Amino acid sequence: MDVLVPFAASRPKTRLAGVLGPDERAEFAAAMRRDVCSAVDSAGGSPTVLSTDPIESAWPVVVDDRPLTEAVDDRLEPPVAVVMADLALATPEALSRLLGADGGVVLAPGLGGGTNAIVVRTPDFHVDYHGASIADHRRIAADVGTTTTVDSFRLAVDVDETDDLAEVLLHGEGQAARWLREAGLELEMTGGRVTVSRSARR
């Protein structure tokens, strides 16, 4: 199955500015993208990076600098999947479950109301990534046919905030987790919650 991997190449992951500089955020975002594409590949999908700017990639790249909804919608030719590039915990097993799930539309919710992955097998579905997109996508999917939800921790965690990095250090198995450790990020307990601190700069 063709799989679109949307990637914001310009000024990526600005909410990680408290622990990573601009160049580091670009490197880390690229490491997550490579992890996702590799996991898609291993799950039997054919990843294409949908990037806002030209990038170097081992997988095909399509450049489209429009907002996410418009860029994805123009390429929803079923059967097709959309998997976000910042799912640093994604594994081939989790993605195999997603790609193999029955339904005209298969949704993998993200924490906080987002939609981290979608499989589309009906031409009547369209995306809407504004606001709490999982609610919008459920509504749109209900209007066009069968909907399935894949409940997956590894597909639910998208890395946007500093606290999300703790999940990568705890559960990550790929380049992104290795990059964080080499950059000096480590786990720290603060007020009963696991977060991250930085012991050194690259």
Protein backbone atom coordinates (compact mmCIF):
# COMPACT_ATOMS: atom_id res chain seq x y z
CA MET A 1 0.00 0.00 0.00
CA ASP A 2 1.22 3.51 -0.78
CA VAL A 3 1.89 5.46 2.42
CA LEU A 4 2.24 9.24 2.59
CA VAL A 5 4.58 10.48 5.33
CA PRO A 6 3.98 14.23 5.84
CA PHE A 7 7.09 16.07 7.00
CA ALA A 8 7.51 19.74 7.95
CA ALA A 9 11.06 20.38 6.76
CA SER A 10 11.19 24.12 7.48
CA ARG A 11 11.62 25.09 11.15
CA PRO A 12 10.62 21.65 12.47
CA LYS A 13 9.60 20.94 16.06
CA THR A 14 9.79 24.50 17.40
CA ARG A 15 8.17 23.43 20.68
CA LEU A 16 11.36 21.50 21.48
CA ALA A 17 13.36 24.75 21.51
CA GLY A 18 13.82 24.51 25.29
CA VAL A 19 16.20 21.55 24.90
CA LEU A 20 17.26 21.48 21.23
CA GLY A 21 18.68 24.20 19.01
CA PRO A 22 17.40 24.80 15.46
CA ASP A 23 19.95 22.56 13.73
CA GLU A 24 19.44 19.87 16.35
CA ARG A 25 15.68 19.95 15.91
CA ALA A 26 16.17 19.48 12.16
CA GLU A 27 18.48 16.51 12.76
CA PHE A 28 16.13 14.93 15.28
CA ALA A 29 13.08 15.42 13.05
CA ALA A 30 14.97 13.78 10.18
CA ALA A 31 15.88 10.83 12.42
CA MET A 32 12.21 10.35 13.35
CA ARG A 33 11.22 10.54 9.68
CA ARG A 34 13.76 7.87 8.78
CA ASP A 35 12.49 5.64 11.60
CA VAL A 36 8.90 6.00 10.38
CA CYS A 37 9.76 5.33 6.73
CA SER A 38 11.86 2.32 7.68
CA ALA A 39 9.05 0.90 9.82
CA VAL A 40 6.53 1.46 7.00
CA ASP A 41 8.89 -0.32 4.60
CA SER A 42 9.29 -3.27 6.97
CA ALA A 43 5.50 -3.46 7.40
CA GLY A 44 5.07 -3.92 3.65
CA GLY A 45 4.08 -0.35 2.80
CA SER A 46 5.62 1.92 0.16
CA PRO A 47 6.50 5.24 1.86
CA THR A 48 6.63 8.56 0.05
CA VAL A 49 7.71 11.59 2.06
CA LEU A 50 5.35 14.54 1.55
CA SER A 51 7.72 17.37 2.46
CA THR A 52 7.23 21.12 2.70
CA ASP A 53 10.72 21.62 1.21
CA PRO A 54 13.24 19.60 -0.80
CA ILE A 55 15.16 17.11 1.37
CA GLU A 56 17.56 14.23 0.98
CA SER A 57 15.87 10.91 1.57
CA ALA A 58 16.34 7.21 0.89
CA TRP A 59 12.64 7.14 -0.02
CA PRO A 60 10.74 9.07 -2.70
CA VAL A 61 9.95 12.70 -1.86
CA VAL A 62 7.12 14.91 -3.10
CA VAL A 63 7.40 18.62 -2.25
CA ASP A 64 4.24 20.54 -1.39
CA ASP A 65 4.39 23.62 0.83
CA ARG A 66 0.63 24.04 1.20
CA PRO A 67 -1.10 23.42 4.54
CA LEU A 68 -1.26 19.77 5.57
CA THR A 69 -4.95 19.23 4.81
CA GLU A 70 -4.70 20.47 1.24
CA ALA A 71 -1.40 18.70 0.51
CA VAL A 72 -2.69 15.33 1.76
CA ASP A 73 -6.16 15.63 0.25
CA ASP A 74 -4.75 16.06 -3.24
CA ARG A 75 -3.01 12.68 -2.91
CA LEU A 76 -5.72 10.55 -1.31
CA GLU A 77 -6.02 7.95 -4.05
CA PRO A 78 -7.31 4.77 -2.35
CA PRO A 79 -6.01 2.50 -1.15
CA VAL A 80 -3.57 4.82 0.59
CA ALA A 81 -2.34 5.48 4.11
CA VAL A 82 -1.07 8.60 5.84
CA VAL A 83 1.44 8.16 8.68
CA MET A 84 2.94 11.20 10.40
CA ALA A 85 6.71 11.59 10.35
CA ASP A 86 7.06 12.23 14.09
CA LEU A 87 5.84 8.85 15.36
CA ALA A 88 9.20 7.95 16.88
CA LEU A 89 7.80 4.86 18.62
CA ALA A 90 6.22 3.33 15.51
CA THR A 91 7.26 -0.25 14.80
CA PRO A 92 6.66 -2.55 11.83
CA GLU A 93 4.31 -4.59 14.02
CA ALA A 94 2.17 -1.56 14.93
CA LEU A 95 2.06 -0.39 11.33
CA SER A 96 1.21 -3.89 10.07
CA ARG A 97 -1.82 -3.84 12.36
CA LEU A 98 -2.82 -0.45 10.95
CA LEU A 99 -2.35 -1.37 7.29
CA GLY A 100 -4.03 -4.75 7.75
CA ALA A 101 -7.08 -3.53 9.65
CA ASP A 102 -10.44 -3.88 7.92
CA GLY A 103 -12.57 -0.86 7.10
CA GLY A 104 -13.12 1.81 4.49
CA VAL A 105 -11.33 4.22 6.81
CA VAL A 106 -8.95 3.14 9.57
CA LEU A 107 -7.93 5.74 12.16
CA ALA A 108 -5.06 5.74 14.67
CA PRO A 109 -5.73 8.53 17.21
CA GLY A 110 -2.95 10.60 18.67
CA LEU A 111 -2.73 11.78 22.24
CA GLY A 112 -4.39 15.17 22.63
CA GLY A 113 -6.96 14.81 19.87
CA GLY A 114 -4.83 14.51 16.76
CA THR A 115 -4.88 11.89 14.02
CA ASN A 116 -1.51 10.19 13.72
CA ALA A 117 -2.30 7.68 10.97
CA ILE A 118 -5.11 6.93 8.54
CA VAL A 119 -5.81 4.18 6.03
CA VAL A 120 -8.26 5.19 3.29
CA ARG A 121 -9.96 2.65 1.05
CA THR A 122 -12.91 4.76 -0.09
CA PRO A 123 -12.76 7.66 -2.58
CA ASP A 124 -15.35 9.67 -0.63
CA PHE A 125 -13.18 10.38 2.40
CA HIS A 126 -11.27 13.63 2.87
CA VAL A 127 -8.97 14.81 5.64
CA ASP A 128 -9.26 17.77 7.99
CA TYR A 129 -6.23 18.26 10.22
CA HIS A 130 -7.43 21.42 11.97
CA GLY A 131 -8.09 21.36 15.73
CA ALA A 132 -9.14 18.05 17.31
CA SER A 133 -8.82 16.24 14.01
CA ILE A 134 -9.64 12.76 15.29
CA ALA A 135 -13.21 13.88 16.05
CA ASP A 136 -13.54 15.42 12.59
CA HIS A 137 -12.13 12.34 10.89
CA ARG A 138 -14.51 10.05 12.77
CA ARG A 139 -17.43 12.19 11.67
CA ILE A 140 -16.28 12.31 8.03
CA ALA A 141 -15.62 8.56 8.03
CA ALA A 142 -19.04 7.80 9.52
CA ASP A 143 -20.63 9.71 6.65
CA VAL A 144 -18.89 7.63 3.99
CA GLY A 145 -18.91 4.08 5.38
CA THR A 146 -17.13 1.67 7.67
CA THR A 147 -14.72 3.06 10.23
CA THR A 148 -12.17 1.18 12.31
CA THR A 149 -10.06 2.58 15.15
CA VAL A 150 -6.66 1.07 15.86
CA ASP A 151 -5.81 1.48 19.53
CA SER A 152 -2.01 1.58 19.59
CA PHE A 153 0.30 3.25 22.10
CA ARG A 154 3.14 3.23 19.57
CA LEU A 155 1.06 5.09 17.01
CA ALA A 156 -0.54 7.44 19.56
CA VAL A 157 2.66 9.20 20.67
CA ASP A 158 3.67 11.98 18.30
CA VAL A 159 6.67 13.99 19.44
CA ASP A 160 5.90 17.69 19.80
CA GLU A 161 6.64 18.68 23.40
CA THR A 162 9.70 18.24 25.60
CA ASP A 163 7.89 15.68 27.79
CA ASP A 164 7.30 13.54 24.69
CA LEU A 165 11.04 12.98 24.51
CA ALA A 166 10.82 10.88 27.67
CA GLU A 167 8.59 8.43 25.81
CA VAL A 168 11.20 8.17 23.04
CA LEU A 169 13.98 7.49 25.55
CA LEU A 170 11.84 4.93 27.41
CA HIS A 171 10.34 3.07 24.47
CA GLY A 172 12.15 4.10 21.28
CA GLU A 173 14.08 1.50 19.32
CA GLY A 174 15.42 3.44 16.35
CA GLN A 175 17.57 6.32 15.17
CA ALA A 176 15.56 8.99 17.01
CA ALA A 177 16.13 7.43 20.43
CA ARG A 178 19.80 6.90 19.65
CA TRP A 179 20.12 10.52 18.49
CA LEU A 180 18.67 11.82 21.77
CA ARG A 181 21.04 9.73 23.88
CA GLU A 182 24.06 10.84 21.84
CA ALA A 183 22.92 14.44 22.27
CA GLY A 184 23.06 14.05 26.05
CA LEU A 185 19.33 13.75 26.79
CA GLU A 186 18.48 11.53 29.73
CA LEU A 187 15.50 10.65 31.89
CA GLU A 188 14.78 12.58 35.06
CA MET A 189 12.12 12.25 37.75
CA THR A 190 10.40 15.55 38.55
CA GLY A 191 7.50 15.66 40.98
CA GLY A 192 6.69 12.02 40.38
CA ARG A 193 6.68 12.40 36.59
CA VAL A 194 9.37 11.22 34.20
CA THR A 195 10.74 14.01 32.00
CA VAL A 196 14.11 14.72 30.36
CA SER A 197 17.19 16.70 31.17
CA ARG A 198 20.35 17.35 29.23
CA SER A 199 23.77 16.51 30.57
CA ALA A 200 25.83 17.71 27.64
CA ARG A 201 25.70 19.39 24.23
CA ARG A 202 26.68 17.65 21.02
